[in-house]
Amino acid sequence: MPTQTEVLADLNRAYIDSVQGADVARFETLLAPDFRCSNPDGSLVDRAAFLRQIARGPGIEGLRAEDVEIRLMGDVAIVHAATAYRDGAGIQRRGRYTDVWRRDGARWLAVSAHVTRGA
């Protein structure tokens, strides 16, 4: 049986893959109803607006998470990570994200995300 950290690592990979693949259906299973995301442009969006963003596609390629740190605090987990990706012009870029997950019974749901994109 996987540890909670292993479960969250798998969910984190699914989250990143779903961003890159514009997989709204998968996100429907990952996000809590009260999910919020702070976008790189400074906007704060709710679950419905986030899913609309995902459906439009990421506008980046080769997204991968690096230096992933998962912190468990009972029924809450925080995932910190760096990202590497290519922007629309094909230029290699880096960013960071912090996701907060809440255990809801037997499953974990993302309740918050904060994303930065940099040089």
PDB file of N, CA and C in Angstrom:
ATOM      1  N   MET A   1       0.852  -1.186   0.000  1.00  0.00           N
ATOM      2  CA  MET A   1       0.000   0.000   0.000  1.00  0.00           C
ATOM      3  C   MET A   1       0.899   1.252   0.000  1.00  0.00           C
ATOM      4  N   PRO A   2       0.630   2.197  -0.901  1.00  0.00           N
ATOM      5  CA  PRO A   2       1.471   3.394  -0.980  1.00  0.00           C
ATOM      6  C   PRO A   2       1.300   4.289   0.252  1.00  0.00           C
ATOM      7  N   THR A   3       2.353   4.996   0.592  1.00  0.00           N
ATOM      8  CA  THR A   3       2.273   5.978   1.665  1.00  0.00           C
ATOM      9  C   THR A   3       1.493   7.196   1.166  1.00  0.00           C
ATOM     10  N   GLN A   4       1.074   8.062   2.082  1.00  0.00           N
ATOM     11  CA  GLN A   4       0.358   9.283   1.687  1.00  0.00           C
ATOM     12  C   GLN A   4       1.258  10.180   0.833  1.00  0.00           C
ATOM     13  N   THR A   5       2.537  10.201   1.139  1.00  0.00           N
ATOM     14  CA  THR A   5       3.469  10.996   0.336  1.00  0.00           C
ATOM     15  C   THR A   5       3.543  10.457  -1.091  1.00  0.00           C
ATOM     16  N   GLU A   6       3.549   9.140  -1.242  1.00  0.00           N
ATOM     17  CA  GLU A   6       3.569   8.539  -2.583  1.00  0.00           C
ATOM     18  C   GLU A   6       2.273   8.834  -3.335  1.00  0.00           C
ATOM     19  N   VAL A   7       1.150   8.781  -2.636  1.00  0.00           N
ATOM     20  CA  VAL A   7      -0.144   9.127  -3.253  1.00  0.00           C
ATOM     21  C   VAL A   7      -0.115  10.567  -3.747  1.00  0.00           C
ATOM     22  N   LEU A   8       0.378  11.466  -2.905  1.00  0.00           N
ATOM     23  CA  LEU A   8       0.434  12.880  -3.292  1.00  0.00           C
ATOM     24  C   LEU A   8       1.430  13.121  -4.426  1.00  0.00           C
ATOM     25  N   ALA A   9       2.525  12.383  -4.449  1.00  0.00           N
ATOM     26  CA  ALA A   9       3.482  12.501  -5.559  1.00  0.00           C
ATOM     27  C   ALA A   9       2.816  12.092  -6.872  1.00  0.00           C
ATOM     28  N   ASP A  10       2.030  11.029  -6.842  1.00  0.00           N
ATOM     29  CA  ASP A  10       1.288  10.609  -8.039  1.00  0.00           C
ATOM     30  C   ASP A  10       0.271  11.660  -8.451  1.00  0.00           C
ATOM     31  N   LEU A  11      -0.437  12.232  -7.488  1.00  0.00           N
ATOM     32  CA  LEU A  11      -1.421  13.276  -7.789  1.00  0.00           C
ATOM     33  C   LEU A  11      -0.738  14.516  -8.360  1.00  0.00           C
ATOM     34  N   ASN A  12       0.432  14.841  -7.821  1.00  0.00           N
ATOM     35  CA  ASN A  12       1.178  15.980  -8.337  1.00  0.00           C
ATOM     36  C   ASN A  12       1.566  15.754  -9.797  1.00  0.00           C
ATOM     37  N   ARG A  13       2.037  14.539 -10.121  1.00  0.00           N
ATOM     38  CA  ARG A  13       2.377  14.224 -11.521  1.00  0.00           C
ATOM     39  C   ARG A  13       1.131  14.317 -12.405  1.00  0.00           C
ATOM     40  N   ALA A  14      -0.008  13.823 -11.911  1.00  0.00           N
ATOM     41  CA  ALA A  14      -1.252  13.887 -12.685  1.00  0.00           C
ATOM     42  C   ALA A  14      -1.658  15.338 -12.927  1.00  0.00           C
ATOM     43  N   TYR A  15      -1.470  16.182 -11.924  1.00  0.00           N
ATOM     44  CA  TYR A  15      -1.807  17.601 -12.033  1.00  0.00           C
ATOM     45  C   TYR A  15      -0.955  18.256 -13.131  1.00  0.00           C
ATOM     46  N   ILE A  16       0.357  18.041 -13.087  1.00  0.00           N
ATOM     47  CA  ILE A  16       1.251  18.628 -14.089  1.00  0.00           C
ATOM     48  C   ILE A  16       0.923  18.094 -15.482  1.00  0.00           C
ATOM     49  N   ASP A  17       0.727  16.784 -15.594  1.00  0.00           N
ATOM     50  CA  ASP A  17       0.362  16.189 -16.890  1.00  0.00           C
ATOM     51  C   ASP A  17      -0.954  16.756 -17.409  1.00  0.00           C
ATOM     52  N   SER A  18      -1.889  17.017 -16.509  1.00  0.00           N
ATOM     53  CA  SER A  18      -3.200  17.554 -16.905  1.00  0.00           C
ATOM     54  C   SER A  18      -3.099  18.992 -17.367  1.00  0.00           C
ATOM     55  N   VAL A  19      -2.194  19.767 -16.772  1.00  0.00           N
ATOM     56  CA  VAL A  19      -1.957  21.128 -17.271  1.00  0.00           C
ATOM     57  C   VAL A  19      -1.420  21.050 -18.692  1.00  0.00           C
ATOM     58  N   GLN A  20      -0.360  20.276 -18.886  1.00  0.00           N
ATOM     59  CA  GLN A  20       0.274  20.192 -20.204  1.00  0.00           C
ATOM     60  C   GLN A  20      -0.687  19.633 -21.247  1.00  0.00           C
ATOM     61  N   GLY A  21      -1.511  18.667 -20.864  1.00  0.00           N
ATOM     62  CA  GLY A  21      -2.422  18.027 -21.807  1.00  0.00           C
ATOM     63  C   GLY A  21      -3.796  18.651 -21.904  1.00  0.00           C
ATOM     64  N   ALA A  22      -4.010  19.783 -21.197  1.00  0.00           N
ATOM     65  CA  ALA A  22      -5.325  20.456 -21.198  1.00  0.00           C
ATOM     66  C   ALA A  22      -6.445  19.466 -20.870  1.00  0.00           C
ATOM     67  N   ASP A  23      -6.209  18.628 -19.867  1.00  0.00           N
ATOM     68  CA  ASP A  23      -7.108  17.536 -19.521  1.00  0.00           C
ATOM     69  C   ASP A  23      -8.133  17.978 -18.462  1.00  0.00           C
ATOM     70  N   VAL A  24      -9.173  18.620 -18.915  1.00  0.00           N
ATOM     71  CA  VAL A  24     -10.224  19.121 -18.023  1.00  0.00           C
ATOM     72  C   VAL A  24     -10.886  17.970 -17.273  1.00  0.00           C
ATOM     73  N   ALA A  25     -11.142  16.870 -17.952  1.00  0.00           N
ATOM     74  CA  ALA A  25     -11.809  15.731 -17.306  1.00  0.00           C
ATOM     75  C   ALA A  25     -10.997  15.221 -16.120  1.00  0.00           C
ATOM     76  N   ARG A  26      -9.690  15.133 -16.286  1.00  0.00           N
ATOM     77  CA  ARG A  26      -8.844  14.680 -15.165  1.00  0.00           C
ATOM     78  C   ARG A  26      -8.873  15.696 -14.037  1.00  0.00           C
ATOM     79  N   PHE A  27      -8.829  16.988 -14.375  1.00  0.00           N
ATOM     80  CA  PHE A  27      -8.886  18.016 -13.339  1.00  0.00           C
ATOM     81  C   PHE A  27     -10.198  17.964 -12.562  1.00  0.00           C
ATOM     82  N   GLU A  28     -11.263  17.564 -13.211  1.00  0.00           N
ATOM     83  CA  GLU A  28     -12.548  17.432 -12.511  1.00  0.00           C
ATOM     84  C   GLU A  28     -12.418  16.497 -11.314  1.00  0.00           C
ATOM     85  N   THR A  29     -11.514  15.507 -11.395  1.00  0.00           N
ATOM     86  CA  THR A  29     -11.330  14.547 -10.304  1.00  0.00           C
ATOM     87  C   THR A  29     -10.291  15.010  -9.293  1.00  0.00           C
ATOM     88  N   LEU A  30      -9.492  16.011  -9.636  1.00  0.00           N
ATOM     89  CA  LEU A  30      -8.404  16.460  -8.766  1.00  0.00           C
ATOM     90  C   LEU A  30      -8.744  17.672  -7.915  1.00  0.00           C
ATOM     91  N   LEU A  31      -9.704  18.481  -8.357  1.00  0.00           N
ATOM     92  CA  LEU A  31      -9.970  19.767  -7.708  1.00  0.00           C
ATOM     93  C   LEU A  31     -11.170  19.724  -6.768  1.00  0.00           C
ATOM     94  N   ALA A  32     -10.998  20.326  -5.603  1.00  0.00           N
ATOM     95  CA  ALA A  32     -12.109  20.482  -4.657  1.00  0.00           C
ATOM     96  C   ALA A  32     -13.100  21.510  -5.212  1.00  0.00           C
ATOM     97  N   PRO A  33     -14.354  21.438  -4.788  1.00  0.00           N
ATOM     98  CA  PRO A  33     -15.336  22.428  -5.256  1.00  0.00           C
ATOM     99  C   PRO A  33     -14.939  23.871  -4.928  1.00  0.00           C
ATOM    100  N   ASP A  34     -14.213  24.076  -3.840  1.00  0.00           N
ATOM    101  CA  ASP A  34     -13.828  25.429  -3.423  1.00  0.00           C
ATOM    102  C   ASP A  34     -12.410  25.808  -3.880  1.00  0.00           C
ATOM    103  N   PHE A  35     -11.874  25.114  -4.870  1.00  0.00           N
ATOM    104  CA  PHE A  35     -10.529  25.356  -5.396  1.00  0.00           C
ATOM    105  C   PHE A  35     -10.366  26.799  -5.861  1.00  0.00           C
ATOM    106  N   ARG A  36      -9.177  27.359  -5.610  1.00  0.00           N
ATOM    107  CA  ARG A  36      -8.786  28.674  -6.108  1.00  0.00           C
ATOM    108  C   ARG A  36      -7.369  28.590  -6.639  1.00  0.00           C
ATOM    109  N   CYS A  37      -7.069  29.403  -7.664  1.00  0.00           N
ATOM    110  CA  CYS A  37      -5.722  29.448  -8.232  1.00  0.00           C
ATOM    111  C   CYS A  37      -5.284  30.898  -8.390  1.00  0.00           C
ATOM    112  N   SER A  38      -4.095  31.194  -7.872  1.00  0.00           N
ATOM    113  CA  SER A  38      -3.439  32.477  -8.130  1.00  0.00           C
ATOM    114  C   SER A  38      -2.568  32.282  -9.361  1.00  0.00           C
ATOM    115  N   ASN A  39      -2.914  32.979 -10.422  1.00  0.00           N
ATOM    116  CA  ASN A  39      -2.229  32.846 -11.713  1.00  0.00           C
ATOM    117  C   ASN A  39      -0.963  33.697 -11.769  1.00  0.00           C
ATOM    118  N   PRO A  40      -0.087  33.385 -12.718  1.00  0.00           N
ATOM    119  CA  PRO A  40       1.138  34.180 -12.868  1.00  0.00           C
ATOM    120  C   PRO A  40       0.884  35.672 -13.114  1.00  0.00           C
ATOM    121  N   ASP A  41      -0.271  36.012 -13.695  1.00  0.00           N
ATOM    122  CA  ASP A  41      -0.579  37.429 -13.952  1.00  0.00           C
ATOM    123  C   ASP A  41      -1.152  38.138 -12.731  1.00  0.00           C
ATOM    124  N   GLY A  42      -1.264  37.415 -11.613  1.00  0.00           N
ATOM    125  CA  GLY A  42      -1.773  38.011 -10.379  1.00  0.00           C
ATOM    126  C   GLY A  42      -3.261  37.836 -10.163  1.00  0.00           C
ATOM    127  N   SER A  43      -3.971  37.278 -11.136  1.00  0.00           N
ATOM    128  CA  SER A  43      -5.412  37.082 -10.969  1.00  0.00           C
ATOM    129  C   SER A  43      -5.685  35.870 -10.077  1.00  0.00           C
ATOM    130  N   LEU A  44      -6.810  35.912  -9.409  1.00  0.00           N
ATOM    131  CA  LEU A  44      -7.280  34.794  -8.586  1.00  0.00           C
ATOM    132  C   LEU A  44      -8.544  34.257  -9.238  1.00  0.00           C
ATOM    133  N   VAL A  45      -8.536  32.957  -9.566  1.00  0.00           N
ATOM    134  CA  VAL A  45      -9.691  32.369 -10.247  1.00  0.00           C
ATOM    135  C   VAL A  45     -10.254  31.211  -9.432  1.00  0.00           C
ATOM    136  N   ASP A  46     -11.557  31.013  -9.591  1.00  0.00           N
ATOM    137  CA  ASP A  46     -12.210  29.886  -8.929  1.00  0.00           C
ATOM    138  C   ASP A  46     -12.094  28.637  -9.811  1.00  0.00           C
ATOM    139  N   ARG A  47     -12.672  27.560  -9.350  1.00  0.00           N
ATOM    140  CA  ARG A  47     -12.568  26.274 -10.032  1.00  0.00           C
ATOM    141  C   ARG A  47     -13.069  26.351 -11.480  1.00  0.00           C
ATOM    142  N   ALA A  48     -14.251  26.943 -11.673  1.00  0.00           N
ATOM    143  CA  ALA A  48     -14.838  27.012 -13.017  1.00  0.00           C
ATOM    144  C   ALA A  48     -13.945  27.801 -13.975  1.00  0.00           C
ATOM    145  N   ALA A  49     -13.427  28.940 -13.527  1.00  0.00           N
ATOM    146  CA  ALA A  49     -12.550  29.749 -14.373  1.00  0.00           C
ATOM    147  C   ALA A  49     -11.235  29.020 -14.651  1.00  0.00           C
ATOM    148  N   PHE A  50     -10.723  28.307 -13.661  1.00  0.00           N
ATOM    149  CA  PHE A  50      -9.496  27.528 -13.847  1.00  0.00           C
ATOM    150  C   PHE A  50      -9.711  26.450 -14.904  1.00  0.00           C
ATOM    151  N   LEU A  51     -10.824  25.753 -14.842  1.00  0.00           N
ATOM    152  CA  LEU A  51     -11.109  24.704 -15.825  1.00  0.00           C
ATOM    153  C   LEU A  51     -11.241  25.292 -17.229  1.00  0.00           C
ATOM    154  N   ARG A  52     -11.808  26.485 -17.350  1.00  0.00           N
ATOM    155  CA  ARG A  52     -11.874  27.153 -18.658  1.00  0.00           C
ATOM    156  C   ARG A  52     -10.460  27.469 -19.162  1.00  0.00           C
ATOM    157  N   GLN A  53      -9.588  27.925 -18.258  1.00  0.00           N
ATOM    158  CA  GLN A  53      -8.189  28.191 -18.632  1.00  0.00           C
ATOM    159  C   GLN A  53      -7.523  26.918 -19.137  1.00  0.00           C
ATOM    160  N   ILE A  54      -7.716  25.830 -18.422  1.00  0.00           N
ATOM    161  CA  ILE A  54      -7.111  24.558 -18.793  1.00  0.00           C
ATOM    162  C   ILE A  54      -7.592  24.131 -20.177  1.00  0.00           C
ATOM    163  N   ALA A  55      -8.865  24.294 -20.453  1.00  0.00           N
ATOM    164  CA  ALA A  55      -9.439  23.886 -21.735  1.00  0.00           C
ATOM    165  C   ALA A  55      -8.802  24.634 -22.905  1.00  0.00           C
ATOM    166  N   ARG A  56      -8.339  25.847 -22.681  1.00  0.00           N
ATOM    167  CA  ARG A  56      -7.704  26.639 -23.743  1.00  0.00           C
ATOM    168  C   ARG A  56      -6.300  26.146 -24.070  1.00  0.00           C
ATOM    169  N   GLY A  57      -5.729  25.313 -23.217  1.00  0.00           N
ATOM    170  CA  GLY A  57      -4.361  24.831 -23.419  1.00  0.00           C
ATOM    171  C   GLY A  57      -3.375  25.716 -22.696  1.00  0.00           C
ATOM    172  N   PRO A  58      -2.193  25.168 -22.404  1.00  0.00           N
ATOM    173  CA  PRO A  58      -1.258  25.886 -21.545  1.00  0.00           C
ATOM    174  C   PRO A  58      -0.453  26.988 -22.227  1.00  0.00           C
ATOM    175  N   GLY A  59      -0.306  26.939 -23.541  1.00  0.00           N
ATOM    176  CA  GLY A  59       0.527  27.928 -24.220  1.00  0.00           C
ATOM    177  C   GLY A  59       2.014  27.712 -23.960  1.00  0.00           C
ATOM    178  N   ILE A  60       2.355  26.588 -23.368  1.00  0.00           N
ATOM    179  CA  ILE A  60       3.738  26.219 -23.105  1.00  0.00           C
ATOM    180  C   ILE A  60       3.922  24.761 -23.499  1.00  0.00           C
ATOM    181  N   GLU A  61       5.179  24.331 -23.591  1.00  0.00           N
ATOM    182  CA  GLU A  61       5.473  22.944 -23.960  1.00  0.00           C
ATOM    183  C   GLU A  61       6.498  22.355 -23.007  1.00  0.00           C
ATOM    184  N   GLY A  62       6.478  21.042 -22.903  1.00  0.00           N
ATOM    185  CA  GLY A  62       7.496  20.339 -22.133  1.00  0.00           C
ATOM    186  C   GLY A  62       7.465  20.610 -20.646  1.00  0.00           C
ATOM    187  N   LEU A  63       6.304  20.929 -20.111  1.00  0.00           N
ATOM    188  CA  LEU A  63       6.192  21.246 -18.684  1.00  0.00           C
ATOM    189  C   LEU A  63       6.611  20.051 -17.840  1.00  0.00           C
ATOM    190  N   ARG A  64       7.503  20.319 -16.899  1.00  0.00           N
ATOM    191  CA  ARG A  64       7.880  19.278 -15.951  1.00  0.00           C
ATOM    192  C   ARG A  64       8.128  19.909 -14.583  1.00  0.00           C
ATOM    193  N   ALA A  65       7.859  19.127 -13.555  1.00  0.00           N
ATOM    194  CA  ALA A  65       8.105  19.557 -12.178  1.00  0.00           C
ATOM    195  C   ALA A  65       9.482  19.072 -11.750  1.00  0.00           C
ATOM    196  N   GLU A  66      10.159  19.915 -10.987  1.00  0.00           N
ATOM    197  CA  GLU A  66      11.486  19.579 -10.469  1.00  0.00           C
ATOM    198  C   GLU A  66      11.544  19.973  -9.002  1.00  0.00           C
ATOM    199  N   ASP A  67      12.451  19.347  -8.274  1.00  0.00           N
ATOM    200  CA  ASP A  67      12.664  19.706  -6.861  1.00  0.00           C
ATOM    201  C   ASP A  67      11.362  19.723  -6.072  1.00  0.00           C
ATOM    202  N   VAL A  68      10.562  18.682  -6.252  1.00  0.00           N
ATOM    203  CA  VAL A  68       9.260  18.597  -5.599  1.00  0.00           C
ATOM    204  C   VAL A  68       9.449  18.287  -4.114  1.00  0.00           C
ATOM    205  N   GLU A  69       8.811  19.084  -3.284  1.00  0.00           N
ATOM    206  CA  GLU A  69       8.814  18.884  -1.832  1.00  0.00           C
ATOM    207  C   GLU A  69       7.366  18.752  -1.372  1.00  0.00           C
ATOM    208  N   ILE A  70       7.052  17.660  -0.716  1.00  0.00           N
ATOM    209  CA  ILE A  70       5.697  17.408  -0.224  1.00  0.00           C
ATOM    210  C   ILE A  70       5.725  17.449   1.296  1.00  0.00           C
ATOM    211  N   ARG A  71       4.907  18.317   1.861  1.00  0.00           N
ATOM    212  CA  ARG A  71       4.831  18.463   3.315  1.00  0.00           C
ATOM    213  C   ARG A  71       3.445  18.031   3.780  1.00  0.00           C
ATOM    214  N   LEU A  72       3.405  17.019   4.637  1.00  0.00           N
ATOM    215  CA  LEU A  72       2.147  16.504   5.186  1.00  0.00           C
ATOM    216  C   LEU A  72       1.890  17.098   6.553  1.00  0.00           C
ATOM    217  N   MET A  73       0.653  17.568   6.770  1.00  0.00           N
ATOM    218  CA  MET A  73       0.233  18.122   8.054  1.00  0.00           C
ATOM    219  C   MET A  73      -1.164  17.613   8.361  1.00  0.00           C
ATOM    220  N   GLY A  74      -1.252  16.355   8.730  1.00  0.00           N
ATOM    221  CA  GLY A  74      -2.554  15.753   8.997  1.00  0.00           C
ATOM    222  C   GLY A  74      -3.343  15.586   7.717  1.00  0.00           C
ATOM    223  N   ASP A  75      -4.502  16.240   7.652  1.00  0.00           N
ATOM    224  CA  ASP A  75      -5.370  16.146   6.482  1.00  0.00           C
ATOM    225  C   ASP A  75      -5.092  17.223   5.442  1.00  0.00           C
ATOM    226  N   VAL A  76      -3.952  17.899   5.583  1.00  0.00           N
ATOM    227  CA  VAL A  76      -3.538  18.930   4.628  1.00  0.00           C
ATOM    228  C   VAL A  76      -2.124  18.602   4.162  1.00  0.00           C
ATOM    229  N   ALA A  77      -1.864  18.844   2.889  1.00  0.00           N
ATOM    230  CA  ALA A  77      -0.519  18.676   2.339  1.00  0.00           C
ATOM    231  C   ALA A  77      -0.205  19.885   1.468  1.00  0.00           C
ATOM    232  N   ILE A  78       1.046  20.290   1.518  1.00  0.00           N
ATOM    233  CA  ILE A  78       1.520  21.392   0.681  1.00  0.00           C
ATOM    234  C   ILE A  78       2.608  20.842  -0.230  1.00  0.00           C
ATOM    235  N   VAL A  79       2.468  21.125  -1.524  1.00  0.00           N
ATOM    236  CA  VAL A  79       3.463  20.704  -2.508  1.00  0.00           C
ATOM    237  C   VAL A  79       4.146  21.961  -3.036  1.00  0.00           C
ATOM    238  N   HIS A  80       5.462  22.019  -2.867  1.00  0.00           N
ATOM    239  CA  HIS A  80       6.285  23.096  -3.428  1.00  0.00           C
ATOM    240  C   HIS A  80       7.116  22.482  -4.531  1.00  0.00           C
ATOM    241  N   ALA A  81       7.258  23.179  -5.658  1.00  0.00           N
ATOM    242  CA  ALA A  81       8.089  22.647  -6.736  1.00  0.00           C
ATOM    243  C   ALA A  81       8.507  23.754  -7.689  1.00  0.00           C
ATOM    244  N   ALA A  82       9.564  23.459  -8.415  1.00  0.00           N
ATOM    245  CA  ALA A  82       9.991  24.302  -9.524  1.00  0.00           C
ATOM    246  C   ALA A  82       9.439  23.693 -10.801  1.00  0.00           C
ATOM    247  N   THR A  83       9.300  24.522 -11.821  1.00  0.00           N
ATOM    248  CA  THR A  83       8.880  24.023 -13.125  1.00  0.00           C
ATOM    249  C   THR A  83       9.912  24.423 -14.173  1.00  0.00           C
ATOM    250  N   ALA A  84       9.970  23.623 -15.205  1.00  0.00           N
ATOM    251  CA  ALA A  84      10.756  23.931 -16.393  1.00  0.00           C
ATOM    252  C   ALA A  84       9.826  23.707 -17.583  1.00  0.00           C
ATOM    253  N   TYR A  85       9.900  24.596 -18.569  1.00  0.00           N
ATOM    254  CA  TYR A  85       9.016  24.516 -19.730  1.00  0.00           C
ATOM    255  C   TYR A  85       9.565  25.407 -20.834  1.00  0.00           C
ATOM    256  N   ARG A  86       9.018  25.251 -22.025  1.00  0.00           N
ATOM    257  CA  ARG A  86       9.327  26.138 -23.146  1.00  0.00           C
ATOM    258  C   ARG A  86       8.106  27.024 -23.402  1.00  0.00           C
ATOM    259  N   ASP A  87       8.349  28.318 -23.546  1.00  0.00           N
ATOM    260  CA  ASP A  87       7.237  29.229 -23.820  1.00  0.00           C
ATOM    261  C   ASP A  87       6.802  29.124 -25.281  1.00  0.00           C
ATOM    262  N   GLY A  88       5.838  29.932 -25.675  1.00  0.00           N
ATOM    263  CA  GLY A  88       5.303  29.882 -27.030  1.00  0.00           C
ATOM    264  C   GLY A  88       6.335  30.116 -28.113  1.00  0.00           C
ATOM    265  N   ALA A  89       7.433  30.803 -27.778  1.00  0.00           N
ATOM    266  CA  ALA A  89       8.515  31.053 -28.737  1.00  0.00           C
ATOM    267  C   ALA A  89       9.584  29.967 -28.693  1.00  0.00           C
ATOM    268  N   GLY A  90       9.366  28.949 -27.849  1.00  0.00           N
ATOM    269  CA  GLY A  90      10.327  27.862 -27.745  1.00  0.00           C
ATOM    270  C   GLY A  90      11.488  28.130 -26.800  1.00  0.00           C
ATOM    271  N   ILE A  91      11.423  29.230 -26.054  1.00  0.00           N
ATOM    272  CA  ILE A  91      12.489  29.590 -25.119  1.00  0.00           C
ATOM    273  C   ILE A  91      12.302  28.837 -23.803  1.00  0.00           C
ATOM    274  N   GLN A  92      13.381  28.240 -23.311  1.00  0.00           N
ATOM    275  CA  GLN A  92      13.335  27.514 -22.046  1.00  0.00           C
ATOM    276  C   GLN A  92      13.117  28.499 -20.899  1.00  0.00           C
ATOM    277  N   ARG A  93      12.152  28.201 -20.048  1.00  0.00           N
ATOM    278  CA  ARG A  93      11.795  29.058 -18.907  1.00  0.00           C
ATOM    279  C   ARG A  93      11.692  28.219 -17.647  1.00  0.00           C
ATOM    280  N   ARG A  94      11.639  28.920 -16.525  1.00  0.00           N
ATOM    281  CA  ARG A  94      11.454  28.275 -15.222  1.00  0.00           C
ATOM    282  C   ARG A  94      10.357  29.004 -14.457  1.00  0.00           C
ATOM    283  N   GLY A  95       9.787  28.323 -13.502  1.00  0.00           N
ATOM    284  CA  GLY A  95       8.783  28.916 -12.639  1.00  0.00           C
ATOM    285  C   GLY A  95       8.717  28.143 -11.335  1.00  0.00           C
ATOM    286  N   ARG A  96       7.700  28.428 -10.552  1.00  0.00           N
ATOM    287  CA  ARG A  96       7.468  27.719  -9.292  1.00  0.00           C
ATOM    288  C   ARG A  96       5.965  27.592  -9.100  1.00  0.00           C
ATOM    289  N   TYR A  97       5.599  26.630  -8.274  1.00  0.00           N
ATOM    290  CA  TYR A  97       4.207  26.530  -7.851  1.00  0.00           C
ATOM    291  C   TYR A  97       4.126  25.965  -6.449  1.00  0.00           C
ATOM    292  N   THR A  98       3.049  26.309  -5.803  1.00  0.00           N
ATOM    293  CA  THR A  98       2.702  25.753  -4.499  1.00  0.00           C
ATOM    294  C   THR A  98       1.248  25.321  -4.592  1.00  0.00           C
ATOM    295  N   ASP A  99       0.995  24.053  -4.324  1.00  0.00           N
ATOM    296  CA  ASP A  99      -0.366  23.522  -4.311  1.00  0.00           C
ATOM    297  C   ASP A  99      -0.706  23.054  -2.905  1.00  0.00           C
ATOM    298  N   VAL A 100      -1.929  23.292  -2.501  1.00  0.00           N
ATOM    299  CA  VAL A 100      -2.414  22.820  -1.213  1.00  0.00           C
ATOM    300  C   VAL A 100      -3.486  21.768  -1.474  1.00  0.00           C
ATOM    301  N   TRP A 101      -3.320  20.630  -0.823  1.00  0.00           N
ATOM    302  CA  TRP A 101      -4.247  19.507  -0.952  1.00  0.00           C
ATOM    303  C   TRP A 101      -4.900  19.235   0.394  1.00  0.00           C
ATOM    304  N   ARG A 102      -6.153  18.834   0.364  1.00  0.00           N
ATOM    305  CA  ARG A 102      -6.911  18.490   1.581  1.00  0.00           C
ATOM    306  C   ARG A 102      -7.449  17.077   1.418  1.00  0.00           C
ATOM    307  N   ARG A 103      -7.267  16.284   2.467  1.00  0.00           N
ATOM    308  CA  ARG A 103      -7.816  14.927   2.430  1.00  0.00           C
ATOM    309  C   ARG A 103      -9.315  15.013   2.672  1.00  0.00           C
ATOM    310  N   ASP A 104     -10.065  14.404   1.770  1.00  0.00           N
ATOM    311  CA  ASP A 104     -11.524  14.366   1.842  1.00  0.00           C
ATOM    312  C   ASP A 104     -11.914  12.892   1.907  1.00  0.00           C
ATOM    313  N   GLY A 105     -12.015  12.362   3.119  1.00  0.00           N
ATOM    314  CA  GLY A 105     -12.258  10.939   3.276  1.00  0.00           C
ATOM    315  C   GLY A 105     -11.026  10.168   2.857  1.00  0.00           C
ATOM    316  N   ALA A 106     -11.176   9.303   1.869  1.00  0.00           N
ATOM    317  CA  ALA A 106     -10.067   8.464   1.415  1.00  0.00           C
ATOM    318  C   ALA A 106      -9.259   9.111   0.291  1.00  0.00           C
ATOM    319  N   ARG A 107      -9.682  10.274  -0.205  1.00  0.00           N
ATOM    320  CA  ARG A 107      -8.965  10.867  -1.337  1.00  0.00           C
ATOM    321  C   ARG A 107      -8.485  12.276  -1.019  1.00  0.00           C
ATOM    322  N   TRP A 108      -7.506  12.704  -1.775  1.00  0.00           N
ATOM    323  CA  TRP A 108      -6.950  14.043  -1.672  1.00  0.00           C
ATOM    324  C   TRP A 108      -7.490  14.900  -2.808  1.00  0.00           C
ATOM    325  N   LEU A 109      -7.846  16.149  -2.502  1.00  0.00           N
ATOM    326  CA  LEU A 109      -8.303  17.105  -3.512  1.00  0.00           C
ATOM    327  C   LEU A 109      -7.489  18.390  -3.398  1.00  0.00           C
ATOM    328  N   ALA A 110      -7.145  18.960  -4.532  1.00  0.00           N
ATOM    329  CA  ALA A 110      -6.434  20.238  -4.542  1.00  0.00           C
ATOM    330  C   ALA A 110      -7.411  21.346  -4.189  1.00  0.00           C
ATOM    331  N   VAL A 111      -7.028  22.184  -3.225  1.00  0.00           N
ATOM    332  CA  VAL A 111      -7.887  23.294  -2.812  1.00  0.00           C
ATOM    333  C   VAL A 111      -7.309  24.644  -3.213  1.00  0.00           C
ATOM    334  N   SER A 112      -5.996  24.672  -3.486  1.00  0.00           N
ATOM    335  CA  SER A 112      -5.369  25.950  -3.809  1.00  0.00           C
ATOM    336  C   SER A 112      -4.115  25.714  -4.639  1.00  0.00           C
ATOM    337  N   ALA A 113      -3.860  26.644  -5.552  1.00  0.00           N
ATOM    338  CA  ALA A 113      -2.628  26.623  -6.338  1.00  0.00           C
ATOM    339  C   ALA A 113      -2.132  28.061  -6.483  1.00  0.00           C
ATOM    340  N   HIS A 114      -0.830  28.204  -6.460  1.00  0.00           N
ATOM    341  CA  HIS A 114      -0.195  29.502  -6.705  1.00  0.00           C
ATOM    342  C   HIS A 114       0.931  29.249  -7.708  1.00  0.00           C
ATOM    343  N   VAL A 115       0.881  29.932  -8.847  1.00  0.00           N
ATOM    344  CA  VAL A 115       1.792  29.646  -9.950  1.00  0.00           C
ATOM    345  C   VAL A 115       2.571  30.907 -10.321  1.00  0.00           C
ATOM    346  N   THR A 116       3.882  30.754 -10.494  1.00  0.00           N
ATOM    347  CA  THR A 116       4.698  31.835 -11.031  1.00  0.00           C
ATOM    348  C   THR A 116       5.422  31.323 -12.269  1.00  0.00           C
ATOM    349  N   ARG A 117       5.661  32.209 -13.188  1.00  0.00           N
ATOM    350  CA  ARG A 117       6.465  31.899 -14.371  1.00  0.00           C
ATOM    351  C   ARG A 117       7.513  32.970 -14.491  1.00  0.00           C
ATOM    352  N   GLY A 118       8.722  32.545 -14.737  1.00  0.00           N
ATOM    353  CA  GLY A 118       9.815  33.507 -14.784  1.00  0.00           C
ATOM    354  C   GLY A 118      10.674  33.340 -16.010  1.00  0.00           C
ATOM    355  N   ALA A 119      11.856  33.861 -15.877  1.00  0.00           N
ATOM    356  CA  ALA A 119      12.810  33.843 -16.991  1.00  0.00           C
ATOM    357  C   ALA A 119      13.461  32.497 -17.151  1.00  0.00           C
TER     358      ALA A 119
END
